[in-house]
Amino acid sequence: MASITFKLLFTLTLFSSLFSISSSSSSSSLPSAVDFWCNQTPHPESCKSHMNWFRPNHPSEFRKMLVHLALVQAQDMHKEAQEYGPKCATKMQKCVFHDCLKLYDNTIFHLNRTLHALHTASCSLSDAQTWLSTAVTNIETCRSGALQLRVGEFTAENNVSESVRKMISNALAVNGKFLQQENNTEEEAYGFPRWFSGHERRLLSSKRSSVKAHLVVAQDGTGHFKTVQAAIDASSRRRVKTRFVIRVKKGIYEENIEVDKDNENLMIIGDGSRVTIITGSRSVKDGITPSMSATAGIDGAHFIARDITFRNTAGPEKGQVLALQSASDLSIFYQCSIEGYQDTLMAHAQRQFYRDCSIFGTVDFIWGDAAIVLQNCTILVRKPLQGQGNMITAQGRGDPFQNTGISIINSCIRAAPDLRPVVKSYETYLGGPWQQYARVVAMKTYIEGLVNPLGWSQWGDSDFAQDTCYFGEYMNSGTGSSTKDRVQWPRFHVLTSENDTQQFSVAGLLAGNTWLPPTGVPFDIDI
C-alpha cells in the first residue's frame, strides 16, 4: 500500500513540474518526444502506445488529446461489446450484455460531452472532472456486474475496456491539476445555470398544491396516465428539454421506472412520501445485475424528485435490492423516502443532493461513486439477516483524481423500528473501504449508540485501502459519535477545523453554490 501512496505523490510532483515548465518556457523549449508528456500521467505506457501522431505544445492541448483518444477507444470498446450480443445464451449473459452496453454508451456520451466542452470552454473544470469520473465509473460498474454474475467471458472478450479506463484516468489526472490551480474561482464565474428560469426557481419552494404540472398520474383515472412510466415516456418525446413537471397523485404504484440520459430537466412530485409510493421487488437473486433491480433508475441530468417514496420490498434474504439508482448530474431529491435493505441507494455517478430525506437499509445501503451530499437526512438502519452486519456506506472511488465521495451533514443515524429491540445482536459500522480511494465523511450528525466504537470496518479480513481511503468525522453528537476508540488507520481523520471540512461541503463537493440557489430547495452552503 505504501508504494501506491508514493506513486501518487510522485505523479503529483511530475505534474507540478510540467505546469511550471509550461508556464515559464515557450513550447519550443519543451522536449518534443511523446515520452515527456506521457511520463506525467499515472499510466504512461498506455498513453505512449496511442499518442504516436500527436505533438502537444501545452497541458491544455495534451488534456484534449487524452480525452479524444479515450473517446476513440471507447467507441471500439462499444463495438466489441455489441459483437458479444449474439453469443449471449443465458439470462445472466443477456443481463450483463444489456447493462454493459448501456454503460459503455453512457461512457461515450460523457467523453463526447467533455471533449466538446473543452474545445468550446462551455463548462467548468469541475464539470469536466465529474464527467470524466463518470466515464471511469461506468467501465468499473460493467466489470463488477459481470464478475458478480460470473459472466467473465464478457470482460475477457472486451479487453480494450482496461485501456480505455487508463486513458480516462490520465485525462482525470491532467484536468485535476488544472482544477487544483483554479482555486475555486472559475465556478463562481459561471453563475446560475441557464436551465433554470424564474418560474423553475419556485418549484421546490412552493407548496405542492400550487405547482402546475404538465402531466398528472393518477390510479383512479383522473390524470393523463395511470402509471408513472407512461408519463415519463411521454415526457421524453418533447422536442425542447426545458423543465417538465409530472405530478404523481397519492397511491402505491407497483412498477419499475427509468429516466433515460436524454430525458433531462424532469421533475416528479408526489403528494407526500407517506402516500405517493413507487414500489418494486426485483433483486439480484432474480439473475439480474444490481442496477437492473432498482425500482427507479435515473440517468437524465437535472432530475428533481420531491415528496415521493422509492421502495424495494424484496427483503433482506434477496441480497442486493435497490430502491433507487441515480447517475443524474446536478440532481435533487427533496423530502423523499428511499427504502430497501442491501444496497438501497446506488448513487452511481455525478453530483447529487439529498435534503430532508429518509434512507432505510442494512448492508452497504448508501453506495456508488457519485459526489453526494446528504443534508438534514435521517438514515435508518434495519435488521439484517442473522449473521450479517450493517454497513451504512460503501463508496466506490477507484481513482485518486475522481472528485467523488459521500458527505453526511447535519443528519441523524438511528436504528429503524425492526432493529431497535435487537440492536445489540448486530454490528453496525459507518462504512468501509469498498474501493481503493473510498471517501466518506460524517459531520455535525447525530449518531445513536448502534454504531460500533471502531466506527469503520476493514474490508473482509484484509487491510485493503486503509492507507489510501479517506474517512472523516467532524463535531458529531450522540452516544455513537465518540472517536476515542475509532480505527487507527493512516487515512482516518478526526477533523478539528472548518477549513478541513470545506472540500466536503455543498459548495466544495457539489459546486452547489452555482446551481442549487435557483431551485428554491433549502440548503446550507457550508458545514
Protein backbone atom coordinates (compact mmCIF):
# COMPACT_ATOMS: atom_id res chain seq x y z
CA MET A 1 0.00 0.00 0.00
CA ALA A 2 2.86 2.38 0.76
CA SER A 3 4.10 2.04 -2.81
CA ILE A 4 0.71 3.22 -4.11
CA THR A 5 0.92 6.35 -1.96
CA PHE A 6 4.48 7.00 -3.17
CA LYS A 7 3.40 6.64 -6.81
CA LEU A 8 0.60 9.15 -6.28
CA LEU A 9 2.97 11.68 -4.67
CA PHE A 10 5.50 11.12 -7.46
CA THR A 11 2.81 11.73 -10.09
CA LEU A 12 1.72 14.97 -8.40
CA THR A 13 5.37 16.12 -8.32
CA LEU A 14 5.71 15.43 -12.04
CA PHE A 15 2.52 17.41 -12.74
CA SER A 16 3.82 20.34 -10.76
CA SER A 17 6.99 20.23 -12.81
CA LEU A 18 5.06 20.04 -16.07
CA PHE A 19 2.83 23.02 -15.26
CA SER A 20 5.69 25.17 -14.01
CA ILE A 21 7.73 24.44 -17.12
CA SER A 22 4.83 25.18 -19.44
CA SER A 23 4.09 28.47 -17.75
CA SER A 24 7.68 29.71 -17.75
CA SER A 25 9.04 28.44 -21.04
CA SER A 26 7.99 28.59 -24.65
CA SER A 27 6.73 25.44 -26.30
CA SER A 28 9.87 25.29 -28.43
CA SER A 29 12.00 24.69 -25.33
CA LEU A 30 10.00 21.63 -24.34
CA PRO A 31 11.14 18.20 -25.49
CA SER A 32 9.08 17.16 -28.50
CA ALA A 33 9.05 13.48 -27.56
CA VAL A 34 5.73 11.98 -26.60
CA ASP A 35 7.57 10.41 -23.67
CA PHE A 36 7.84 13.77 -21.96
CA TRP A 37 4.09 14.29 -21.93
CA CYS A 38 3.05 10.72 -21.19
CA ASN A 39 5.50 10.37 -18.32
CA GLN A 40 3.45 12.98 -16.47
CA THR A 41 0.45 10.62 -16.27
CA PRO A 42 -0.43 7.74 -13.93
CA HIS A 43 -0.39 5.30 -16.87
CA PRO A 44 2.45 6.44 -19.19
CA GLU A 45 2.69 3.26 -21.25
CA SER A 46 -0.99 3.36 -22.16
CA CYS A 47 -0.53 6.99 -23.18
CA LYS A 48 2.58 6.36 -25.30
CA SER A 49 1.03 3.44 -27.18
CA HIS A 50 -1.77 5.65 -28.55
CA MET A 51 -0.18 9.07 -28.98
CA ASN A 52 2.37 8.46 -31.73
CA TRP A 53 0.93 11.06 -34.09
CA PHE A 54 0.29 13.84 -31.55
CA ARG A 55 2.67 16.59 -30.54
CA PRO A 56 1.02 18.75 -27.86
CA ASN A 57 2.50 22.15 -27.04
CA HIS A 58 0.66 22.87 -23.81
CA PRO A 59 -1.01 20.90 -20.97
CA SER A 60 -4.47 22.03 -22.08
CA GLU A 61 -3.82 20.67 -25.57
CA PHE A 62 -2.47 17.45 -24.08
CA ARG A 63 -5.66 17.10 -22.00
CA LYS A 64 -7.87 17.39 -25.10
CA MET A 65 -5.79 14.77 -26.88
CA LEU A 66 -6.14 12.36 -23.96
CA VAL A 67 -9.92 12.77 -23.95
CA HIS A 68 -10.05 12.37 -27.73
CA LEU A 69 -8.02 9.15 -27.60
CA ALA A 70 -10.18 7.83 -24.77
CA LEU A 71 -13.27 8.56 -26.87
CA VAL A 72 -11.89 6.70 -29.90
CA GLN A 73 -11.03 3.70 -27.74
CA ALA A 74 -14.43 3.82 -26.02
CA GLN A 75 -16.12 3.60 -29.39
CA ASP A 76 -14.04 0.50 -30.17
CA MET A 77 -14.98 -0.90 -26.77
CA HIS A 78 -18.67 -0.38 -27.51
CA LYS A 79 -18.31 -2.04 -30.92
CA GLU A 80 -16.62 -5.09 -29.41
CA ALA A 81 -19.35 -5.30 -26.79
CA GLN A 82 -22.03 -5.27 -29.49
CA GLU A 83 -20.34 -8.23 -31.17
CA TYR A 84 -20.76 -10.20 -27.96
CA GLY A 85 -24.57 -9.93 -28.16
CA PRO A 86 -25.25 -12.93 -30.44
CA LYS A 87 -23.14 -15.10 -28.12
CA CYS A 88 -25.44 -14.49 -25.15
CA ALA A 89 -27.21 -17.74 -24.32
CA THR A 90 -28.20 -17.47 -20.66
CA LYS A 91 -30.35 -14.93 -18.86
CA MET A 92 -27.36 -13.72 -16.87
CA GLN A 93 -25.28 -13.20 -20.00
CA LYS A 94 -28.09 -11.21 -21.59
CA CYS A 95 -28.47 -9.07 -18.46
CA VAL A 96 -24.76 -8.28 -18.34
CA PHE A 97 -24.73 -7.54 -22.07
CA HIS A 98 -27.69 -5.13 -21.73
CA ASP A 99 -26.20 -3.43 -18.68
CA CYS A 100 -22.68 -3.05 -20.09
CA LEU A 101 -23.87 -1.83 -23.48
CA LYS A 102 -25.83 0.92 -21.75
CA LEU A 103 -22.86 1.81 -19.52
CA TYR A 104 -20.47 1.92 -22.49
CA ASP A 105 -22.91 4.11 -24.40
CA ASN A 106 -23.02 6.47 -21.41
CA THR A 107 -19.21 6.49 -21.32
CA ILE A 108 -19.11 7.66 -24.93
CA PHE A 109 -21.78 10.25 -24.13
CA HIS A 110 -19.76 11.75 -21.28
CA LEU A 111 -16.46 11.71 -23.17
CA ASN A 112 -18.12 13.46 -26.10
CA ARG A 113 -19.63 15.97 -23.72
CA THR A 114 -16.27 16.62 -22.08
CA LEU A 115 -14.38 16.98 -25.34
CA HIS A 116 -16.93 19.41 -26.79
CA ALA A 117 -16.91 21.46 -23.60
CA LEU A 118 -13.10 21.65 -23.51
CA HIS A 119 -12.99 22.86 -27.11
CA THR A 120 -15.69 25.47 -26.57
CA ALA A 121 -14.83 26.45 -22.98
CA SER A 122 -18.50 25.86 -22.13
CA CYS A 123 -18.01 24.09 -18.82
CA SER A 124 -16.12 24.47 -15.57
CA LEU A 125 -13.15 22.30 -14.70
CA SER A 126 -15.34 20.73 -12.03
CA ASP A 127 -17.85 19.74 -14.72
CA ALA A 128 -15.11 18.09 -16.78
CA GLN A 129 -13.79 16.23 -13.75
CA THR A 130 -17.30 15.00 -12.93
CA TRP A 131 -17.96 13.70 -16.44
CA LEU A 132 -14.57 12.00 -16.70
CA SER A 133 -15.12 10.45 -13.27
CA THR A 134 -18.47 9.13 -14.50
CA ALA A 135 -16.86 7.58 -17.57
CA VAL A 136 -14.43 5.64 -15.35
CA THR A 137 -17.24 4.56 -13.02
CA ASN A 138 -19.32 3.20 -15.92
CA ILE A 139 -16.50 0.89 -17.00
CA GLU A 140 -15.91 -0.35 -13.46
CA THR A 141 -19.66 -0.96 -12.94
CA CYS A 142 -19.79 -3.13 -16.05
CA ARG A 143 -16.76 -5.12 -14.90
CA SER A 144 -18.06 -5.67 -11.35
CA GLY A 145 -21.53 -6.66 -12.59
CA ALA A 146 -20.04 -9.23 -14.98
CA LEU A 147 -17.84 -10.70 -12.24
CA GLN A 148 -20.70 -10.81 -9.76
CA LEU A 149 -22.91 -12.75 -12.14
CA ARG A 150 -19.90 -14.85 -13.18
CA VAL A 151 -20.06 -13.79 -16.79
CA GLY A 152 -16.30 -13.37 -17.06
CA GLU A 153 -16.28 -14.13 -20.78
CA PHE A 154 -17.87 -10.71 -21.43
CA THR A 155 -14.99 -8.76 -19.92
CA ALA A 156 -12.50 -11.18 -21.49
CA GLU A 157 -13.99 -10.50 -24.93
CA ASN A 158 -13.88 -6.76 -24.37
CA ASN A 159 -10.32 -6.41 -23.04
CA VAL A 160 -10.00 -2.92 -24.54
CA SER A 161 -12.00 -1.60 -21.57
CA GLU A 162 -8.91 -1.58 -19.33
CA SER A 163 -7.04 0.53 -21.90
CA VAL A 164 -9.96 2.98 -22.03
CA ARG A 165 -10.05 3.19 -18.24
CA LYS A 166 -6.33 4.01 -18.09
CA MET A 167 -6.62 6.71 -20.76
CA ILE A 168 -9.53 8.35 -18.93
CA SER A 169 -7.54 8.11 -15.71
CA ASN A 170 -4.73 10.02 -17.42
CA ALA A 171 -7.16 12.73 -18.52
CA LEU A 172 -8.56 12.90 -14.98
CA ALA A 173 -5.07 13.47 -13.60
CA VAL A 174 -4.24 16.26 -16.04
CA ASN A 175 -7.58 18.02 -15.58
CA GLY A 176 -7.24 17.51 -11.83
CA LYS A 177 -4.07 19.59 -11.83
CA PHE A 178 -5.87 22.40 -13.65
CA LEU A 179 -8.61 22.14 -11.02
CA GLN A 180 -6.10 22.42 -8.17
CA GLN A 181 -4.64 25.59 -9.70
CA GLU A 182 -8.02 27.16 -10.26
CA ASN A 183 -8.61 27.72 -6.51
CA ASN A 184 -12.40 27.61 -6.91
CA THR A 185 -12.61 30.84 -8.90
CA GLU A 186 -13.95 29.50 -12.17
CA GLU A 187 -17.17 28.06 -10.78
CA GLU A 188 -18.22 31.42 -9.43
CA ALA A 189 -17.80 32.90 -12.89
CA TYR A 190 -20.35 30.51 -14.39
CA GLY A 191 -23.14 31.68 -12.12
CA PHE A 192 -26.58 30.13 -12.17
CA PRO A 193 -27.19 27.50 -14.87
CA ARG A 194 -29.28 28.61 -17.82
CA TRP A 195 -31.61 25.65 -17.47
CA PHE A 196 -33.38 27.33 -14.53
CA SER A 197 -35.93 30.00 -15.31
CA GLY A 198 -37.57 32.30 -12.78
CA HIS A 199 -40.61 30.02 -12.70
CA GLU A 200 -38.47 26.93 -12.09
CA ARG A 201 -36.78 28.57 -9.13
CA ARG A 202 -40.10 28.48 -7.29
CA LEU A 203 -40.88 24.83 -7.91
CA LEU A 204 -39.20 23.47 -4.79
CA SER A 205 -40.06 26.38 -2.53
CA SER A 206 -43.78 26.34 -3.40
CA LYS A 207 -46.47 24.26 -1.76
CA ARG A 208 -47.17 21.00 -3.60
CA SER A 209 -50.71 22.04 -4.44
CA SER A 210 -49.54 25.22 -6.17
CA VAL A 211 -47.10 23.53 -8.55
CA LYS A 212 -48.51 23.39 -12.08
CA ALA A 213 -47.78 20.03 -13.67
CA HIS A 214 -47.51 19.27 -17.38
CA LEU A 215 -48.78 15.73 -16.81
CA VAL A 216 -50.67 14.09 -13.95
CA VAL A 217 -50.52 10.43 -12.97
CA ALA A 218 -53.47 9.02 -11.04
CA GLN A 219 -54.53 5.43 -10.46
CA ASP A 220 -58.20 6.41 -10.37
CA GLY A 221 -58.16 7.72 -13.94
CA THR A 222 -58.37 11.43 -13.03
CA GLY A 223 -54.96 12.16 -14.60
CA HIS A 224 -53.36 11.82 -18.02
CA PHE A 225 -51.88 8.39 -17.20
CA LYS A 226 -52.32 5.61 -14.66
CA THR A 227 -48.63 4.64 -14.49
CA VAL A 228 -45.57 6.76 -13.79
CA GLN A 229 -43.51 5.21 -16.59
CA ALA A 230 -46.16 6.10 -19.17
CA ALA A 231 -45.85 9.77 -18.16
CA ILE A 232 -42.03 9.57 -18.25
CA ASP A 233 -42.17 8.05 -21.75
CA ALA A 234 -44.46 10.85 -22.88
CA SER A 235 -42.12 13.48 -21.43
CA SER A 236 -39.16 12.01 -23.28
CA ARG A 237 -40.82 12.74 -26.64
CA ARG A 238 -40.83 16.52 -26.14
CA ARG A 239 -38.53 18.36 -28.55
CA VAL A 240 -37.26 21.02 -26.19
CA LYS A 241 -35.87 19.65 -22.95
CA THR A 242 -36.85 22.52 -20.64
CA ARG A 243 -38.16 21.79 -17.16
CA PHE A 244 -41.05 19.31 -17.33
CA VAL A 245 -43.16 18.51 -14.26
CA ILE A 246 -45.01 15.25 -13.63
CA ARG A 247 -47.34 15.13 -10.63
CA VAL A 248 -47.98 11.68 -9.19
CA LYS A 249 -51.12 11.61 -7.05
CA LYS A 250 -51.32 9.54 -3.89
CA GLY A 251 -51.28 5.78 -4.38
CA ILE A 252 -48.99 2.78 -4.39
CA TYR A 253 -47.57 2.37 -7.89
CA GLU A 254 -46.19 -1.15 -8.38
CA GLU A 255 -43.78 -0.60 -11.22
CA ASN A 256 -40.12 -0.05 -12.06
CA ILE A 257 -39.36 3.27 -13.69
CA GLU A 258 -36.46 4.54 -15.81
CA VAL A 259 -35.47 8.04 -16.88
CA ASP A 260 -33.10 7.87 -19.85
CA LYS A 261 -29.99 10.05 -20.13
CA ASP A 262 -31.59 12.06 -22.95
CA ASN A 263 -34.62 12.96 -20.82
CA GLU A 264 -33.20 15.95 -18.96
CA ASN A 265 -34.86 18.52 -16.69
CA LEU A 266 -37.57 16.19 -15.45
CA MET A 267 -39.29 16.77 -12.11
CA ILE A 268 -41.52 14.19 -10.42
CA ILE A 269 -43.54 15.48 -7.49
CA GLY A 270 -45.76 13.36 -5.26
CA ASP A 271 -48.48 14.15 -2.73
CA GLY A 272 -46.11 13.29 0.12
CA SER A 273 -43.67 10.47 0.78
CA ARG A 274 -46.20 8.72 3.05
CA VAL A 275 -48.88 8.49 0.37
CA THR A 276 -47.14 8.54 -3.04
CA ILE A 277 -45.10 5.37 -3.29
CA ILE A 278 -43.35 3.74 -6.26
CA THR A 279 -42.51 0.17 -5.32
CA GLY A 280 -40.84 -2.84 -6.90
CA SER A 281 -39.42 -6.17 -5.75
CA ARG A 282 -36.59 -7.05 -8.13
CA SER A 283 -33.31 -8.42 -6.77
CA VAL A 284 -30.04 -9.91 -7.95
CA LYS A 285 -31.44 -13.29 -6.84
CA ASP A 286 -33.61 -12.98 -9.96
CA GLY A 287 -30.40 -13.37 -12.01
CA ILE A 288 -30.05 -9.70 -12.92
CA THR A 289 -27.38 -7.07 -12.30
CA PRO A 290 -27.72 -4.80 -9.24
CA SER A 291 -28.71 -1.72 -11.26
CA MET A 292 -31.45 -3.69 -13.02
CA SER A 293 -33.03 -4.40 -9.64
CA ALA A 294 -33.65 -0.70 -8.98
CA THR A 295 -37.25 0.36 -8.53
CA ALA A 296 -36.23 3.73 -10.02
CA GLY A 297 -33.29 4.22 -12.37
CA ILE A 298 -32.45 7.86 -13.15
CA ASP A 299 -29.88 8.90 -15.78
CA GLY A 300 -31.21 12.19 -17.19
CA ALA A 301 -29.40 15.27 -15.89
CA HIS A 302 -31.06 17.92 -13.68
CA PHE A 303 -33.61 15.47 -12.32
CA ILE A 304 -35.70 16.53 -9.31
CA ALA A 305 -37.86 14.32 -7.10
CA ARG A 306 -39.99 15.73 -4.31
CA ASP A 307 -42.41 14.25 -1.76
CA ILE A 308 -42.26 10.68 -3.02
CA THR A 309 -41.12 7.24 -1.82
CA PHE A 310 -38.94 4.85 -3.82
CA ARG A 311 -39.22 1.36 -2.30
CA ASN A 312 -37.92 -2.14 -2.92
CA THR A 313 -39.83 -4.82 -0.99
CA ALA A 314 -37.73 -7.86 -1.97
CA GLY A 315 -36.44 -8.18 1.60
CA PRO A 316 -33.05 -8.89 3.22
CA GLU A 317 -32.96 -12.53 2.10
CA LYS A 318 -32.83 -11.48 -1.58
CA GLY A 319 -29.37 -9.85 -1.41
CA GLN A 320 -28.93 -6.65 -3.40
CA VAL A 321 -32.31 -4.92 -3.72
CA LEU A 322 -32.02 -1.35 -4.99
CA ALA A 323 -34.79 1.15 -4.40
CA LEU A 324 -33.06 3.98 -6.29
CA GLN A 325 -30.19 4.06 -8.75
CA SER A 326 -29.17 7.55 -9.86
CA ALA A 327 -26.49 8.77 -12.23
CA SER A 328 -28.24 12.11 -12.78
CA ASP A 329 -25.90 15.10 -12.73
CA LEU A 330 -26.97 18.13 -10.69
CA SER A 331 -29.95 16.23 -9.31
CA ILE A 332 -32.06 16.89 -6.22
CA PHE A 333 -34.07 14.53 -4.00
CA TYR A 334 -36.15 16.57 -1.56
CA GLN A 335 -38.42 15.22 1.17
CA CYS A 336 -38.22 11.73 -0.32
CA SER A 337 -38.05 8.31 1.32
CA ILE A 338 -35.74 5.65 -0.12
CA GLU A 339 -36.47 2.22 1.33
CA GLY A 340 -34.76 -1.13 0.90
CA TYR A 341 -32.32 -3.46 2.60
CA GLN A 342 -28.96 -4.27 0.98
CA ASP A 343 -27.72 -1.61 -1.50
CA THR A 344 -30.85 0.55 -1.13
CA LEU A 345 -29.46 3.75 -2.67
CA MET A 346 -26.99 3.43 -5.52
CA ALA A 347 -25.65 6.94 -6.02
CA HIS A 348 -23.89 5.70 -9.12
CA ALA A 349 -22.21 8.80 -10.55
CA GLN A 350 -22.12 12.60 -10.92
CA ARG A 351 -23.36 15.28 -8.48
CA GLN A 352 -26.41 14.59 -6.31
CA PHE A 353 -28.03 16.47 -3.42
CA TYR A 354 -30.39 14.87 -0.89
CA ARG A 355 -32.27 17.12 1.53
CA ASP A 356 -34.74 16.13 4.26
CA CYS A 357 -34.82 12.54 3.01
CA SER A 358 -35.17 9.22 4.86
CA ILE A 359 -32.99 6.30 3.77
CA PHE A 360 -33.57 2.75 5.08
CA GLY A 361 -31.25 -0.22 4.67
CA THR A 362 -28.85 -2.84 6.00
CA VAL A 363 -25.68 -3.77 4.09
CA ASP A 364 -23.80 -1.11 2.07
CA PHE A 365 -27.08 0.71 1.67
CA ILE A 366 -25.69 4.08 0.59
CA TRP A 367 -23.14 3.26 -2.07
CA GLY A 368 -21.74 4.11 -5.50
CA ASP A 369 -19.24 6.55 -6.96
CA ALA A 370 -21.17 9.82 -7.12
CA ALA A 371 -20.37 13.09 -5.38
CA ILE A 372 -23.28 13.02 -2.96
CA VAL A 373 -24.31 15.24 -0.05
CA LEU A 374 -26.97 14.05 2.39
CA GLN A 375 -28.11 17.10 4.34
CA ASN A 376 -30.72 17.10 7.13
CA CYS A 377 -31.48 13.47 6.30
CA THR A 378 -32.49 10.56 8.53
CA ILE A 379 -30.53 7.34 7.98
CA LEU A 380 -32.39 4.35 9.42
CA VAL A 381 -30.53 1.07 9.89
CA ARG A 382 -32.73 -2.01 9.56
CA LYS A 383 -32.43 -5.53 10.92
CA PRO A 384 -30.28 -7.62 8.56
CA LEU A 385 -30.17 -11.38 8.15
CA GLN A 386 -28.86 -13.45 11.05
CA GLY A 387 -25.05 -13.37 10.94
CA GLN A 388 -24.89 -10.23 8.82
CA GLY A 389 -23.57 -6.86 9.92
CA ASN A 390 -24.77 -3.45 8.79
CA MET A 391 -22.55 -1.19 6.72
CA ILE A 392 -24.14 2.21 6.16
CA THR A 393 -21.89 3.33 3.28
CA ALA A 394 -19.71 1.75 0.59
CA GLN A 395 -18.08 4.43 -1.53
CA GLY A 396 -16.71 3.46 -4.94
CA ARG A 397 -13.89 5.91 -5.74
CA GLY A 398 -11.32 3.82 -7.60
CA ASP A 399 -9.13 6.59 -8.99
CA PRO A 400 -7.34 9.17 -6.83
CA PHE A 401 -8.31 12.01 -9.18
CA GLN A 402 -12.06 11.33 -9.19
CA ASN A 403 -13.96 14.16 -7.47
CA THR A 404 -16.43 11.82 -5.78
CA GLY A 405 -17.38 10.96 -2.20
CA ILE A 406 -20.23 10.66 0.31
CA SER A 407 -20.79 13.57 2.69
CA ILE A 408 -23.33 13.25 5.52
CA ILE A 409 -24.10 16.65 7.08
CA ASN A 410 -26.46 17.67 9.90
CA SER A 411 -28.25 14.35 9.70
CA CYS A 412 -29.34 11.54 12.07
CA ILE A 413 -28.20 7.92 12.08
CA ARG A 414 -30.66 5.77 14.02
CA ALA A 415 -31.87 2.21 14.40
CA ALA A 416 -35.07 1.51 12.45
CA PRO A 417 -38.02 0.12 14.45
CA ASP A 418 -37.29 -3.51 13.46
CA LEU A 419 -33.64 -3.27 14.59
CA ARG A 420 -34.19 -1.34 17.80
CA PRO A 421 -35.31 -4.29 20.02
CA VAL A 422 -32.32 -6.43 18.92
CA VAL A 423 -29.76 -3.72 18.20
CA LYS A 424 -27.09 -5.33 20.41
CA SER A 425 -27.24 -8.52 18.35
CA TYR A 426 -25.86 -6.91 15.20
CA GLU A 427 -22.72 -4.96 14.37
CA THR A 428 -23.20 -1.65 12.57
CA TYR A 429 -20.45 0.47 11.00
CA LEU A 430 -20.43 3.84 9.25
CA GLY A 431 -18.66 2.27 6.27
CA GLY A 432 -15.55 0.57 4.96
CA PRO A 433 -13.08 0.83 2.06
CA TRP A 434 -15.03 -0.81 -0.76
CA GLN A 435 -12.70 0.71 -3.36
CA GLN A 436 -9.07 1.85 -3.23
CA TYR A 437 -9.71 5.58 -2.71
CA ALA A 438 -13.11 5.48 -0.99
CA ARG A 439 -14.14 8.81 0.64
CA VAL A 440 -16.84 9.23 3.29
CA VAL A 441 -17.31 11.90 5.95
CA ALA A 442 -19.95 12.40 8.67
CA MET A 443 -20.18 15.94 10.04
CA LYS A 444 -22.39 17.54 12.69
CA THR A 445 -24.53 14.41 12.61
CA TYR A 446 -26.35 12.70 15.46
CA ILE A 447 -25.17 9.09 15.74
CA GLU A 448 -27.00 6.66 18.00
CA GLY A 449 -25.17 4.02 20.03
CA LEU A 450 -25.84 1.29 17.46
CA VAL A 451 -22.56 2.20 15.68
CA ASN A 452 -19.57 0.10 16.75
CA PRO A 453 -16.96 2.14 18.68
CA LEU A 454 -14.44 1.43 15.89
CA GLY A 455 -16.76 3.37 13.58
CA TRP A 456 -15.34 1.96 10.35
CA SER A 457 -14.86 -1.64 9.27
CA GLN A 458 -11.99 -3.25 7.43
CA TRP A 459 -12.87 -4.83 4.08
CA GLY A 460 -13.14 -8.55 4.66
CA ASP A 461 -10.17 -9.90 6.59
CA SER A 462 -7.57 -7.63 4.99
CA ASP A 463 -6.08 -4.18 5.45
CA PHE A 464 -7.14 -3.24 1.93
CA ALA A 465 -7.06 0.51 1.18
CA GLN A 466 -6.53 1.60 4.77
CA ASP A 467 -3.69 3.90 3.68
CA THR A 468 -5.41 5.24 0.55
CA CYS A 469 -9.07 5.69 1.58
CA TYR A 470 -10.38 8.81 3.37
CA PHE A 471 -12.83 8.57 6.24
CA GLY A 472 -13.54 11.57 8.42
CA GLU A 473 -15.74 12.75 11.29
CA TYR A 474 -16.40 16.27 12.49
CA MET A 475 -18.35 17.53 15.50
CA ASN A 476 -20.83 14.66 15.59
CA SER A 477 -23.06 14.03 18.60
CA GLY A 478 -24.90 11.12 20.21
CA THR A 479 -23.73 8.03 22.06
CA GLY A 480 -22.22 6.51 18.92
CA SER A 481 -20.20 9.58 17.94
CA SER A 482 -17.18 9.26 20.26
CA THR A 483 -13.94 8.98 18.29
CA LYS A 484 -11.89 7.78 21.28
CA ASP A 485 -11.88 4.14 20.15
CA ARG A 486 -12.09 4.68 16.38
CA VAL A 487 -9.88 2.75 13.93
CA GLN A 488 -6.20 3.70 13.89
CA TRP A 489 -5.85 3.74 10.12
CA PRO A 490 -3.48 6.24 8.45
CA ARG A 491 -6.36 7.66 6.43
CA PHE A 492 -8.98 8.04 9.17
CA HIS A 493 -9.30 11.66 10.29
CA VAL A 494 -10.92 13.33 13.24
CA LEU A 495 -11.45 16.74 11.67
CA THR A 496 -10.94 19.68 14.01
CA SER A 497 -11.25 22.76 11.81
CA GLU A 498 -13.89 24.05 9.43
CA ASN A 499 -11.11 24.58 6.91
CA ASP A 500 -10.69 20.79 6.84
CA THR A 501 -14.38 20.28 6.10
CA GLN A 502 -14.92 22.66 3.21
CA GLN A 503 -13.98 20.19 0.47
CA PHE A 504 -16.92 18.05 1.65
CA SER A 505 -19.48 20.87 1.91
CA VAL A 506 -22.27 21.52 -0.60
CA ALA A 507 -20.00 24.08 -2.26
CA GLY A 508 -16.82 22.02 -2.13
CA LEU A 509 -18.10 18.60 -3.20
CA LEU A 510 -21.02 19.58 -5.45
CA ALA A 511 -20.19 23.15 -6.55
CA GLY A 512 -23.70 23.64 -5.16
CA ASN A 513 -23.28 27.39 -4.87
CA THR A 514 -23.52 27.56 -8.67
CA TRP A 515 -26.72 25.55 -9.22
CA LEU A 516 -28.73 24.99 -6.04
CA PRO A 517 -29.78 28.61 -5.21
CA PRO A 518 -32.13 28.99 -8.21
CA THR A 519 -34.01 25.79 -7.41
CA GLY A 520 -35.54 27.04 -4.18
CA VAL A 521 -34.53 23.90 -2.28
CA PRO A 522 -33.29 24.76 1.22
CA PHE A 523 -29.60 24.04 1.77
CA ASP A 524 -26.64 25.10 3.86
CA ILE A 525 -23.66 26.02 1.71
CA ASP A 526 -21.10 25.41 4.46
CA ILE A 527 -20.84 22.84 7.25
